[in-house]
Amino acid sequence: MYQVYPRSFMDSNGDGIGDLNGIINKLGYLQRLGITLLWLSPVYRSPMDDNGYDISDYEDIADIFGSMGDMARLISEARAHDIDIMMDLVVNHTSDEHPWFIDALSSKNSDYRDFYIWRQPAADGGPPDDTRSHFGGSAWTLDSASGEYYLHQFSTRQPDLNWENPRVREAIHAMMNRWLDKGIGGFRMDVIDLIGKEVDRQIMANGRHLHLYLHQMNRATFGPRGSVTVGETWSATPEDALLYSAEEREELTMVFQFEHIRLFWDEQYGKWCNQPFDLLRFKAVIDKWQTALADRGWNSLFWSNHDLPRAVSKFGDDGQYRVVSAKMLATALHCLKGTPYIYQGEEIGMTNVSFADITDYRDIESLNLYQERIAEGVSHEAMMEGIHANGRDNARTPMQWDSSPHAGFTTGQPWIGVNPNYRTVNVAAALDDPDSVFYHYQKLVALRKQLPLLVHGDFRQILADHPQVFAWLRTFEDRTLVVINNFTAAPVTLAMPDNLHDRQGQCVISNYASRERLESTMALQPYESFALLLERL
């Protein structure tokens, strides 16, 4: 799986914004990488209050991205490159410019009033309760014409849909089927754990009807077609993930869970106050999910996406060891059990960006929270440190294609600034270097297709108490893969478990010299990783 953030991937017409024709122009590159499913962040018609996650028409394309004709051509051309398209399904909420909401505002008696969630003011005339928006402030906004408040868990311009209304569910199912009829391969479902909300109990995620709604959706749309589905579920536990993804449940193929991401967020300030990386805690979380979903359900494997910092900046070293740590992270990801997701630019080791001025940022979440926290007395320096570490625009700077102006992304003025390191970190340089991060990813993608063990093999962590090394075994039929990853910039002298002493095997991937043998004690270089294929232990 490869995720494209269309606004930032490739601009074909010089307006500074990436588009569908830009993606079509780069399908050969994606095929060369070896990916088989391409997830597009939203390209639907939208006023772009939240970069397309506020949809005003589910069945049209935003002008900045192209047309429905371009979309049809992308689906067709991608298929010719052995790539299916996964659309981003945003159905917890719509834009306030969606015809349903415009009609709902017209009258309390509108046929679409109950498509959204309305409540009377509190006794003092204020919001019905103290529910907060994820983008800051109250989750309730007053409609002065009717005197009622509507719910929005994100921007005020993203009113939440009322999934308790069966007409809402039917309309969404019909829309999904029309997209599936166009030939797409499936859906990534934005904040899907929020659709079962129980508003009067202030339960905003994982409500009691959530799985009923998903089962209904499966049966009415993608389930009989065998489409791939992945749900974004920030609230999910391993137990929840089995409800979503166990085959007999007939819900989703898999979910994104974020426990390994939230692990180092501050209890009070969340991601805006970065906490030190702790490998032991990180390993424990990955192990928990690998173990829980071992026989039922399925894991989504990812280090970054459009909402998260760049993987090499978060979990590796984006300075001296950028290349080797990016390769280590790639090896670790692809050698776990589940479906690996590559976020655009990850395959060349793109890094976080540190714009000096808040006005250089475009993300509504960062801008809103900056203003809110500054008003609360948090310093400018502290907020900028948080945005530099974890802000969403880290992943949204333009794809770095070459060393020409604006990184070859556009001939115009890009909608957001390009990371200044594009002159050395770019696709053209990566393709010219046989030892680049790109070719490491390419080899790993190929291995996933060649080795059934990487798909079906059991996972068992070894050296669980080691503070610098994350290591495990994957076993399938008569073969075992030993995966060793040094997650630090320090050399490590590693004492191997007794049953792995002096074992000879085939090194299928490494980011330093090839390792063909396991010794009783092994000296690992900074961020060294390798995977050694052995006969079954």
Protein backbone atom coordinates (compact mmCIF):
# COMPACT_ATOMS: atom_id res chain seq x y z
CA MET A 1 0.00 0.00 0.00
CA TYR A 2 1.24 3.49 -0.86
CA GLN A 3 -0.47 6.66 0.33
CA VAL A 4 -0.57 9.76 -1.85
CA TYR A 5 -1.52 13.15 -0.43
CA PRO A 6 -2.67 14.53 -3.81
CA ARG A 7 -2.23 18.22 -2.97
CA SER A 8 1.48 17.61 -2.38
CA PHE A 9 2.41 14.77 -4.73
CA MET A 10 2.81 16.17 -8.27
CA ASP A 11 1.42 19.30 -9.95
CA SER A 12 0.78 18.89 -13.69
CA ASN A 13 -0.55 22.37 -14.54
CA GLY A 14 1.67 24.81 -12.64
CA ASP A 15 -0.93 26.10 -10.16
CA GLY A 16 1.17 24.99 -7.18
CA ILE A 17 -1.25 22.23 -6.14
CA GLY A 18 -0.80 18.54 -6.90
CA ASP A 19 -3.50 16.92 -9.02
CA LEU A 20 -4.79 13.68 -10.55
CA ASN A 21 -2.87 14.11 -13.79
CA GLY A 22 0.27 14.57 -11.73
CA ILE A 23 -0.39 11.19 -10.09
CA ILE A 24 -1.02 9.60 -13.49
CA ASN A 25 2.33 10.96 -14.68
CA LYS A 26 4.08 9.20 -11.79
CA LEU A 27 2.43 5.79 -12.03
CA GLY A 28 5.55 4.39 -13.69
CA TYR A 29 7.58 5.44 -10.64
CA LEU A 30 5.10 3.78 -8.29
CA GLN A 31 5.09 0.61 -10.38
CA ARG A 32 8.88 0.62 -10.24
CA LEU A 33 8.67 0.73 -6.44
CA GLY A 34 6.41 -2.32 -6.64
CA ILE A 35 3.29 -1.17 -4.79
CA THR A 36 -0.07 -2.67 -5.78
CA LEU A 37 -2.62 -0.48 -3.98
CA LEU A 38 -2.66 3.32 -4.01
CA TRP A 39 -4.58 5.17 -1.30
CA LEU A 40 -5.60 8.70 -2.24
CA SER A 41 -6.36 11.23 0.46
CA PRO A 42 -9.66 12.95 -0.46
CA VAL A 43 -9.99 14.44 -3.94
CA TYR A 44 -13.75 15.05 -3.79
CA ARG A 45 -15.36 18.47 -4.26
CA SER A 46 -14.66 20.48 -1.11
CA PRO A 47 -14.22 24.08 0.12
CA MET A 48 -10.89 22.79 1.55
CA ASP A 49 -11.38 24.01 5.10
CA ASP A 50 -9.55 20.85 6.17
CA ASN A 51 -7.69 20.05 2.94
CA GLY A 52 -10.48 17.94 1.50
CA TYR A 53 -11.64 16.12 4.61
CA ASP A 54 -14.67 18.44 4.44
CA ILE A 55 -16.62 17.08 1.47
CA SER A 56 -19.36 19.03 -0.29
CA ASP A 57 -19.98 16.43 -3.02
CA TYR A 58 -18.96 12.80 -2.65
CA GLU A 59 -19.49 12.14 -6.36
CA ASP A 60 -17.50 14.92 -7.96
CA ILE A 61 -13.83 15.90 -8.00
CA ALA A 62 -12.46 19.19 -6.64
CA ASP A 63 -11.45 21.50 -9.49
CA ILE A 64 -7.95 21.87 -8.08
CA PHE A 65 -7.41 18.12 -8.56
CA GLY A 66 -9.07 17.72 -11.95
CA SER A 67 -12.32 16.17 -13.13
CA MET A 68 -14.28 12.93 -12.98
CA GLY A 69 -12.81 12.19 -16.41
CA ASP A 70 -9.31 12.49 -14.91
CA MET A 71 -10.40 10.22 -12.06
CA ALA A 72 -11.65 7.59 -14.50
CA ARG A 73 -8.37 7.81 -16.39
CA LEU A 74 -6.38 7.42 -13.16
CA ILE A 75 -8.33 4.27 -12.23
CA SER A 76 -7.76 2.84 -15.71
CA GLU A 77 -4.10 3.84 -16.03
CA ALA A 78 -3.31 2.60 -12.52
CA ARG A 79 -4.86 -0.76 -13.34
CA ALA A 80 -2.62 -0.94 -16.42
CA HIS A 81 0.32 -0.52 -14.04
CA ASP A 82 -1.00 -3.35 -11.79
CA ILE A 83 -2.16 -0.84 -9.18
CA ASP A 84 -5.65 -0.51 -7.69
CA ILE A 85 -7.00 2.76 -6.29
CA MET A 86 -8.26 3.07 -2.71
CA MET A 87 -10.48 6.08 -2.07
CA ASP A 88 -10.58 7.95 1.23
CA LEU A 89 -14.12 7.62 2.65
CA VAL A 90 -15.02 10.54 4.96
CA VAL A 91 -18.50 9.82 6.31
CA ASN A 92 -18.37 10.81 9.98
CA HIS A 93 -19.05 14.34 8.76
CA THR A 94 -19.56 16.43 5.64
CA SER A 95 -18.71 19.99 4.70
CA ASP A 96 -21.15 22.71 5.76
CA GLU A 97 -21.44 23.33 2.01
CA HIS A 98 -22.81 19.87 1.30
CA PRO A 99 -26.39 20.11 -0.10
CA TRP A 100 -27.64 17.95 2.77
CA PHE A 101 -26.44 20.46 5.37
CA ILE A 102 -27.52 23.51 3.39
CA ASP A 103 -31.02 22.02 3.22
CA ALA A 104 -30.89 21.08 6.92
CA LEU A 105 -30.15 24.72 7.79
CA SER A 106 -33.16 25.95 5.82
CA SER A 107 -35.76 24.72 8.29
CA LYS A 108 -36.29 22.53 11.33
CA ASN A 109 -38.76 20.70 9.09
CA SER A 110 -36.20 20.00 6.35
CA ASP A 111 -36.09 16.44 5.07
CA TYR A 112 -32.34 16.56 5.78
CA ARG A 113 -32.50 18.12 9.26
CA ASP A 114 -32.09 14.67 10.85
CA PHE A 115 -29.07 13.90 8.66
CA TYR A 116 -27.11 15.90 11.28
CA ILE A 117 -27.06 16.15 15.07
CA TRP A 118 -28.91 19.04 16.72
CA ARG A 119 -29.50 19.91 20.36
CA GLN A 120 -31.15 22.68 22.33
CA PRO A 121 -28.88 25.14 24.19
CA ALA A 122 -28.01 24.58 27.83
CA ALA A 123 -30.00 26.49 30.43
CA ASP A 124 -27.60 29.44 30.15
CA GLY A 125 -27.96 29.55 26.36
CA GLY A 126 -24.53 28.05 25.80
CA PRO A 127 -23.53 24.74 24.19
CA PRO A 128 -25.52 21.64 25.19
CA ASP A 129 -22.50 20.10 26.92
CA ASP A 130 -18.74 20.48 27.28
CA THR A 131 -17.69 18.19 24.41
CA ARG A 132 -14.55 19.55 22.76
CA SER A 133 -13.59 19.64 19.09
CA HIS A 134 -10.37 17.90 18.07
CA PHE A 135 -9.41 21.17 16.38
CA GLY A 136 -9.94 23.28 19.50
CA GLY A 137 -12.94 24.92 21.14
CA SER A 138 -16.43 23.56 21.64
CA ALA A 139 -17.75 20.75 19.45
CA TRP A 140 -21.07 22.62 19.26
CA THR A 141 -21.88 25.63 17.06
CA LEU A 142 -25.09 27.65 17.30
CA ASP A 143 -27.36 27.97 14.28
CA SER A 144 -28.83 31.34 15.16
CA ALA A 145 -31.75 30.96 12.73
CA SER A 146 -33.18 27.93 14.53
CA GLY A 147 -31.70 28.51 17.98
CA GLU A 148 -30.22 24.99 18.01
CA TYR A 149 -26.62 23.80 18.14
CA TYR A 150 -25.10 21.32 15.69
CA LEU A 151 -22.30 18.88 16.54
CA HIS A 152 -18.90 18.95 14.83
CA GLN A 153 -16.03 16.92 16.25
CA PHE A 154 -13.58 18.74 13.98
CA SER A 155 -13.91 22.15 12.29
CA THR A 156 -17.11 24.19 12.68
CA ARG A 157 -17.41 23.64 8.94
CA GLN A 158 -17.48 19.84 9.33
CA PRO A 159 -20.90 18.98 10.83
CA ASP A 160 -21.20 15.39 12.05
CA LEU A 161 -23.63 13.08 10.28
CA ASN A 162 -26.34 11.33 12.28
CA TRP A 163 -25.71 7.63 11.67
CA GLU A 164 -28.71 6.70 13.81
CA ASN A 165 -30.82 7.84 10.84
CA PRO A 166 -31.20 4.86 8.44
CA ARG A 167 -31.61 7.29 5.50
CA VAL A 168 -28.05 8.52 6.14
CA ARG A 169 -26.72 4.98 6.03
CA GLU A 170 -28.67 4.17 2.86
CA ALA A 171 -27.41 7.31 1.09
CA ILE A 172 -23.81 6.55 2.01
CA HIS A 173 -24.10 2.92 0.90
CA ALA A 174 -25.48 4.00 -2.46
CA MET A 175 -22.63 6.47 -2.92
CA MET A 176 -20.03 3.83 -2.04
CA ASN A 177 -21.50 1.39 -4.54
CA ARG A 178 -21.33 3.96 -7.31
CA TRP A 179 -17.61 4.40 -6.61
CA LEU A 180 -17.06 0.65 -6.53
CA ASP A 181 -18.87 0.41 -9.86
CA LYS A 182 -16.25 2.79 -11.28
CA GLY A 183 -13.59 0.17 -10.55
CA ILE A 184 -11.85 1.31 -7.36
CA GLY A 185 -10.25 -1.34 -5.17
CA GLY A 186 -11.60 -0.28 -1.79
CA PHE A 187 -11.83 2.40 0.89
CA ARG A 188 -9.76 3.87 3.67
CA MET A 189 -12.35 5.06 6.20
CA ASP A 190 -11.60 8.31 7.99
CA VAL A 191 -12.24 8.33 11.79
CA ILE A 192 -14.71 5.47 11.26
CA ASP A 193 -14.81 4.67 15.00
CA LEU A 194 -16.72 7.93 15.54
CA ILE A 195 -19.81 7.09 13.46
CA GLY A 196 -21.46 5.14 16.30
CA LYS A 197 -21.33 8.10 18.68
CA GLU A 198 -23.83 8.30 21.56
CA VAL A 199 -24.15 12.04 21.89
CA ASP A 200 -26.35 12.29 24.96
CA ARG A 201 -23.96 10.03 26.87
CA GLN A 202 -20.99 12.01 25.47
CA ILE A 203 -19.53 8.81 23.99
CA MET A 204 -17.88 10.09 20.83
CA ALA A 205 -15.98 6.96 19.78
CA ASN A 206 -16.69 3.25 19.74
CA GLY A 207 -20.40 3.58 20.53
CA ARG A 208 -22.63 0.56 20.97
CA HIS A 209 -24.04 0.59 17.41
CA LEU A 210 -20.71 1.06 15.63
CA HIS A 211 -20.18 -2.55 14.63
CA LEU A 212 -23.79 -2.95 13.53
CA TYR A 213 -23.32 -0.01 11.16
CA LEU A 214 -20.08 -1.47 9.77
CA HIS A 215 -21.60 -4.90 9.27
CA GLN A 216 -24.53 -3.32 7.42
CA MET A 217 -22.09 -1.34 5.28
CA ASN A 218 -20.06 -4.46 4.49
CA ARG A 219 -23.08 -6.45 3.39
CA ALA A 220 -24.58 -3.57 1.37
CA THR A 221 -21.41 -2.47 -0.43
CA PHE A 222 -17.84 -3.79 -0.46
CA GLY A 223 -18.17 -7.15 1.29
CA PRO A 224 -19.63 -9.21 -1.60
CA ARG A 225 -17.13 -7.56 -3.98
CA GLY A 226 -14.05 -8.57 -1.99
CA SER A 227 -12.76 -4.98 -1.78
CA VAL A 228 -9.98 -3.94 0.60
CA THR A 229 -11.04 -1.75 3.52
CA VAL A 230 -9.09 -0.14 6.35
CA GLY A 231 -10.62 1.91 9.13
CA GLU A 232 -8.91 4.78 10.93
CA THR A 233 -9.62 3.98 14.60
CA TRP A 234 -7.78 6.16 17.09
CA SER A 235 -9.71 4.57 19.96
CA ALA A 236 -9.08 0.92 19.04
CA THR A 237 -7.69 -1.64 21.45
CA PRO A 238 -6.52 -5.07 20.22
CA GLU A 239 -9.87 -6.47 21.37
CA ASP A 240 -11.69 -3.85 19.28
CA ALA A 241 -9.47 -4.61 16.30
CA LEU A 242 -10.63 -8.22 16.33
CA LEU A 243 -14.23 -7.02 16.20
CA TYR A 244 -13.40 -4.87 13.18
CA SER A 245 -11.22 -7.27 11.25
CA ALA A 246 -11.91 -10.91 12.14
CA GLU A 247 -13.15 -12.45 8.91
CA GLU A 248 -16.28 -14.00 10.37
CA ARG A 249 -17.42 -10.58 11.63
CA GLU A 250 -17.92 -9.30 8.06
CA GLU A 251 -16.82 -5.74 8.85
CA LEU A 252 -13.44 -4.41 7.64
CA THR A 253 -10.24 -5.93 6.26
CA MET A 254 -8.06 -4.16 8.84
CA VAL A 255 -7.79 -0.99 10.93
CA PHE A 256 -5.22 1.66 11.64
CA GLN A 257 -4.53 1.76 15.38
CA PHE A 258 -2.35 4.48 16.88
CA GLU A 259 -1.14 3.18 20.23
CA HIS A 260 2.48 3.15 19.06
CA ILE A 261 2.05 6.76 17.88
CA ARG A 262 0.32 8.14 20.99
CA LEU A 263 2.75 6.36 23.30
CA PHE A 264 4.99 9.43 23.55
CA TRP A 265 2.35 12.16 23.70
CA ASP A 266 2.09 14.28 26.85
CA GLU A 267 -0.85 13.49 29.14
CA GLN A 268 -1.96 17.13 29.27
CA TYR A 269 -0.81 18.65 25.97
CA GLY A 270 -0.91 15.58 23.75
CA LYS A 271 1.32 15.60 20.70
CA TRP A 272 2.18 19.28 21.15
CA CYS A 273 4.57 18.39 23.98
CA ASN A 274 6.89 15.71 22.66
CA GLN A 275 8.09 12.95 24.98
CA PRO A 276 11.37 11.01 24.59
CA PHE A 277 11.28 7.81 22.56
CA ASP A 278 11.40 4.71 24.75
CA LEU A 279 12.15 1.55 22.76
CA LEU A 280 11.07 -0.85 25.51
CA ARG A 281 7.58 0.67 25.65
CA PHE A 282 7.45 0.82 21.85
CA LYS A 283 8.40 -2.85 21.50
CA ALA A 284 5.80 -3.87 24.05
CA VAL A 285 3.03 -2.16 22.09
CA ILE A 286 4.07 -3.63 18.73
CA ASP A 287 4.39 -7.07 20.32
CA LYS A 288 0.94 -6.75 21.90
CA TRP A 289 -0.71 -6.01 18.55
CA GLN A 290 1.24 -8.63 16.64
CA THR A 291 0.29 -11.25 19.21
CA ALA A 292 -3.36 -10.26 19.62
CA LEU A 293 -4.08 -10.35 15.89
CA ALA A 294 -1.87 -13.36 15.15
CA ASP A 295 -4.58 -15.84 14.18
CA ARG A 296 -7.70 -13.69 13.70
CA GLY A 297 -7.86 -10.16 12.39
CA TRP A 298 -5.07 -8.36 10.57
CA ASN A 299 -2.57 -5.59 11.32
CA SER A 300 -1.98 -2.42 9.32
CA LEU A 301 1.74 -1.60 9.48
CA PHE A 302 2.75 2.04 9.30
CA TRP A 303 5.15 4.56 10.78
CA SER A 304 3.70 7.72 9.22
CA ASN A 305 0.83 9.19 7.19
CA HIS A 306 -0.64 12.59 6.25
CA ASP A 307 -1.49 13.34 9.90
CA LEU A 308 1.83 12.28 11.43
CA PRO A 309 5.47 13.37 11.46
CA ARG A 310 7.95 11.85 9.06
CA ALA A 311 9.02 8.36 10.13
CA VAL A 312 12.77 8.94 10.00
CA SER A 313 12.41 12.12 12.09
CA LYS A 314 10.14 10.45 14.65
CA PHE A 315 11.70 7.01 15.08
CA GLY A 316 15.11 7.30 13.41
CA ASP A 317 17.77 9.97 12.90
CA ASP A 318 17.14 12.59 10.20
CA GLY A 319 20.69 13.91 10.45
CA GLN A 320 23.91 11.91 10.24
CA TYR A 321 22.15 8.54 10.05
CA ARG A 322 19.18 9.50 7.90
CA VAL A 323 19.81 6.88 5.21
CA VAL A 324 20.67 3.90 7.42
CA SER A 325 17.92 4.66 9.97
CA ALA A 326 15.33 5.08 7.18
CA LYS A 327 16.40 1.67 5.85
CA MET A 328 16.21 0.15 9.33
CA LEU A 329 12.66 1.43 9.78
CA ALA A 330 11.70 0.08 6.36
CA THR A 331 13.07 -3.36 7.23
CA ALA A 332 11.29 -3.40 10.57
CA LEU A 333 7.97 -2.41 9.01
CA HIS A 334 8.05 -4.89 6.13
CA CYS A 335 9.17 -7.80 8.29
CA LEU A 336 6.23 -7.57 10.71
CA LYS A 337 2.99 -9.45 10.11
CA GLY A 338 0.31 -7.37 8.40
CA THR A 339 -0.02 -5.04 5.43
CA PRO A 340 2.78 -2.42 5.10
CA TYR A 341 1.84 1.16 4.20
CA ILE A 342 4.39 3.51 2.63
CA TYR A 343 3.61 7.21 2.91
CA GLN A 344 4.75 9.35 -0.03
CA GLY A 345 8.38 10.36 0.35
CA GLU A 346 9.06 7.78 3.04
CA GLU A 347 10.73 5.63 0.38
CA ILE A 348 13.40 8.31 -0.17
CA GLY A 349 13.80 9.23 3.51
CA MET A 350 12.00 12.59 3.51
CA THR A 351 12.19 14.39 6.87
CA ASN A 352 10.24 16.79 9.06
CA VAL A 353 10.43 20.48 8.24
CA SER A 354 11.05 23.31 10.74
CA PHE A 355 9.48 26.46 9.33
CA ALA A 356 10.47 29.43 11.47
CA ASP A 357 7.19 31.33 11.36
CA ILE A 358 3.70 30.07 12.22
CA THR A 359 2.43 31.84 9.08
CA ASP A 360 4.40 29.34 6.97
CA TYR A 361 2.08 26.57 8.16
CA ARG A 362 -1.23 25.66 6.51
CA ASP A 363 -2.72 22.95 8.72
CA ILE A 364 -5.94 24.05 10.44
CA GLU A 365 -5.19 21.90 13.50
CA SER A 366 -1.74 23.45 14.05
CA LEU A 367 -2.96 26.99 13.44
CA ASN A 368 -6.02 26.67 15.70
CA LEU A 369 -4.19 24.98 18.54
CA TYR A 370 -1.32 27.48 18.29
CA GLN A 371 -3.74 30.38 18.85
CA GLU A 372 -5.60 28.56 21.61
CA ARG A 373 -2.49 27.52 23.53
CA ILE A 374 -0.79 30.92 23.15
CA ALA A 375 -3.93 32.50 24.65
CA GLU A 376 -3.64 30.05 27.56
CA GLY A 377 -0.08 31.20 28.24
CA VAL A 378 1.97 28.55 26.45
CA SER A 379 5.06 30.17 24.93
CA HIS A 380 5.58 30.62 21.19
CA GLU A 381 8.79 28.62 21.44
CA ALA A 382 7.09 25.69 23.16
CA MET A 383 4.29 25.55 20.60
CA MET A 384 6.68 25.79 17.67
CA GLU A 385 8.76 22.97 19.16
CA GLY A 386 5.61 20.82 19.27
CA ILE A 387 4.60 21.73 15.72
CA HIS A 388 8.12 21.03 14.43
CA ALA A 389 8.04 17.61 16.10
CA ASN A 390 4.49 16.45 15.45
CA GLY A 391 2.54 18.94 13.32
CA ARG A 392 0.64 17.52 10.34
CA ASP A 393 2.37 19.77 7.80
CA ASN A 394 5.57 17.77 8.32
CA ALA A 395 4.02 15.14 6.05
CA ARG A 396 2.39 17.62 3.68
CA THR A 397 5.32 19.52 2.22
CA PRO A 398 5.67 18.79 -1.51
CA MET A 399 7.10 15.50 -2.73
CA GLN A 400 10.77 16.01 -3.54
CA TRP A 401 11.28 14.82 -7.11
CA ASP A 402 14.58 16.46 -8.02
CA SER A 403 16.91 19.36 -7.19
CA SER A 404 15.26 21.89 -9.53
CA PRO A 405 13.24 24.82 -8.11
CA HIS A 406 10.40 23.68 -5.81
CA ALA A 407 11.84 20.16 -5.92
CA GLY A 408 10.33 19.50 -9.35
CA PHE A 409 6.87 19.41 -7.74
CA THR A 410 5.53 22.45 -9.62
CA THR A 411 6.51 25.15 -12.08
CA GLY A 412 4.39 27.59 -10.07
CA GLN A 413 4.35 28.69 -6.42
CA PRO A 414 3.69 25.66 -4.19
CA TRP A 415 0.71 25.86 -1.84
CA ILE A 416 3.08 25.18 1.07
CA GLY A 417 6.83 25.59 1.24
CA VAL A 418 9.20 22.83 0.14
CA ASN A 419 11.54 21.30 2.71
CA PRO A 420 14.91 23.05 2.12
CA ASN A 421 16.76 19.72 2.06
CA TYR A 422 15.17 18.82 -1.31
CA ARG A 423 18.43 19.59 -3.12
CA THR A 424 19.97 16.42 -1.70
CA VAL A 425 16.91 14.41 -0.62
CA ASN A 426 14.93 13.74 -3.79
CA VAL A 427 13.74 10.98 -6.10
CA ALA A 428 16.20 11.71 -8.91
CA ALA A 429 19.16 11.40 -6.56
CA ALA A 430 17.70 8.23 -5.04
CA LEU A 431 17.22 6.57 -8.43
CA ASP A 432 20.81 7.41 -9.38
CA ASP A 433 22.20 5.80 -6.22
CA PRO A 434 22.01 1.98 -6.15
CA ASP A 435 22.45 2.10 -2.36
CA SER A 436 19.61 4.58 -1.76
CA VAL A 437 16.63 4.27 0.57
CA PHE A 438 14.39 3.84 -2.51
CA TYR A 439 16.07 0.63 -3.65
CA HIS A 440 15.95 -0.72 -0.11
CA TYR A 441 12.17 -0.22 -0.11
CA GLN A 442 11.92 -1.70 -3.60
CA LYS A 443 13.72 -4.84 -2.43
CA LEU A 444 11.50 -5.16 0.64
CA VAL A 445 8.32 -4.78 -1.44
CA ALA A 446 9.59 -7.53 -3.75
CA LEU A 447 10.40 -9.77 -0.78
CA ARG A 448 6.83 -9.42 0.50
CA LYS A 449 5.67 -10.90 -2.80
CA GLN A 450 8.36 -13.60 -2.99
CA LEU A 451 8.37 -14.97 0.57
CA PRO A 452 5.10 -16.46 1.86
CA LEU A 453 6.76 -16.43 5.29
CA LEU A 454 6.55 -12.61 5.40
CA VAL A 455 2.79 -12.78 4.86
CA HIS A 456 1.80 -15.88 6.83
CA GLY A 457 4.64 -16.46 9.29
CA ASP A 458 4.15 -16.42 13.05
CA PHE A 459 5.69 -13.53 14.99
CA ARG A 460 7.73 -14.06 18.17
CA GLN A 461 9.77 -11.34 19.78
CA ILE A 462 13.25 -12.15 21.10
CA LEU A 463 15.57 -10.02 23.26
CA ALA A 464 12.46 -8.28 24.62
CA ASP A 465 14.36 -6.59 27.47
CA HIS A 466 17.13 -5.12 25.31
CA PRO A 467 16.90 -1.30 25.46
CA GLN A 468 18.41 -0.67 22.00
CA VAL A 469 17.52 -3.64 19.81
CA PHE A 470 14.12 -4.74 18.50
CA ALA A 471 14.35 -8.33 17.24
CA TRP A 472 11.93 -11.10 16.36
CA LEU A 473 11.42 -14.36 14.54
CA ARG A 474 8.94 -15.04 11.73
CA THR A 475 8.29 -18.76 11.24
CA PHE A 476 6.32 -20.49 8.49
CA GLU A 477 6.42 -24.14 7.49
CA ASP A 478 10.10 -25.17 7.64
CA ARG A 479 11.74 -21.73 7.57
CA THR A 480 12.48 -19.00 10.11
CA LEU A 481 13.39 -15.38 9.47
CA VAL A 482 15.51 -13.70 12.14
CA VAL A 483 15.01 -9.91 12.10
CA ILE A 484 17.46 -7.70 14.04
CA ASN A 485 17.09 -3.89 14.29
CA ASN A 486 19.30 -1.50 16.24
CA PHE A 487 16.98 1.44 16.92
CA THR A 488 19.77 3.73 18.16
CA ALA A 489 22.73 5.77 16.89
CA ALA A 490 25.06 3.87 19.23
CA PRO A 491 26.96 0.69 18.32
CA VAL A 492 25.66 -2.37 20.17
CA THR A 493 27.37 -5.54 21.30
CA LEU A 494 24.54 -8.05 21.19
CA ALA A 495 24.49 -11.41 22.97
CA MET A 496 22.32 -13.69 20.87
CA PRO A 497 19.99 -16.31 22.37
CA ASP A 498 21.61 -19.75 22.69
CA ASN A 499 19.46 -21.37 20.00
CA LEU A 500 20.68 -18.80 17.45
CA HIS A 501 24.41 -19.23 18.01
CA ASP A 502 26.48 -20.02 14.92
CA ARG A 503 23.53 -20.32 12.57
CA GLN A 504 24.22 -19.93 8.86
CA GLY A 505 21.53 -18.59 6.56
CA GLN A 506 20.55 -16.37 3.65
CA CYS A 507 20.63 -12.62 4.32
CA VAL A 508 17.56 -11.34 2.47
CA ILE A 509 18.02 -7.66 3.41
CA SER A 510 20.55 -5.50 5.26
CA ASN A 511 21.53 -1.84 5.48
CA TYR A 512 25.25 -2.44 6.07
CA ALA A 513 27.35 -5.39 4.85
CA SER A 514 25.40 -8.58 4.33
CA ARG A 515 25.12 -10.83 7.40
CA GLU A 516 25.25 -14.51 6.49
CA ARG A 517 25.84 -15.92 9.97
CA LEU A 518 24.65 -15.39 13.52
CA GLU A 519 27.42 -15.41 16.11
CA SER A 520 27.06 -15.83 19.86
CA THR A 521 27.98 -12.15 20.19
CA MET A 522 27.37 -9.67 17.41
CA ALA A 523 28.64 -6.10 16.99
CA LEU A 524 25.91 -3.95 15.44
CA GLN A 525 26.56 -0.60 13.78
CA PRO A 526 24.36 2.47 14.44
CA TYR A 527 20.83 1.73 13.17
CA GLU A 528 22.02 -1.54 11.66
CA SER A 529 19.29 -3.97 10.65
CA PHE A 530 19.18 -7.23 8.74
CA ALA A 531 16.96 -10.25 8.19
CA LEU A 532 18.46 -13.74 7.95
CA LEU A 533 16.49 -16.67 6.52
CA LEU A 534 17.18 -19.99 8.26
CA GLU A 535 15.83 -23.51 8.15
CA ARG A 536 13.27 -23.92 10.95
CA LEU A 537 14.83 -23.70 14.42
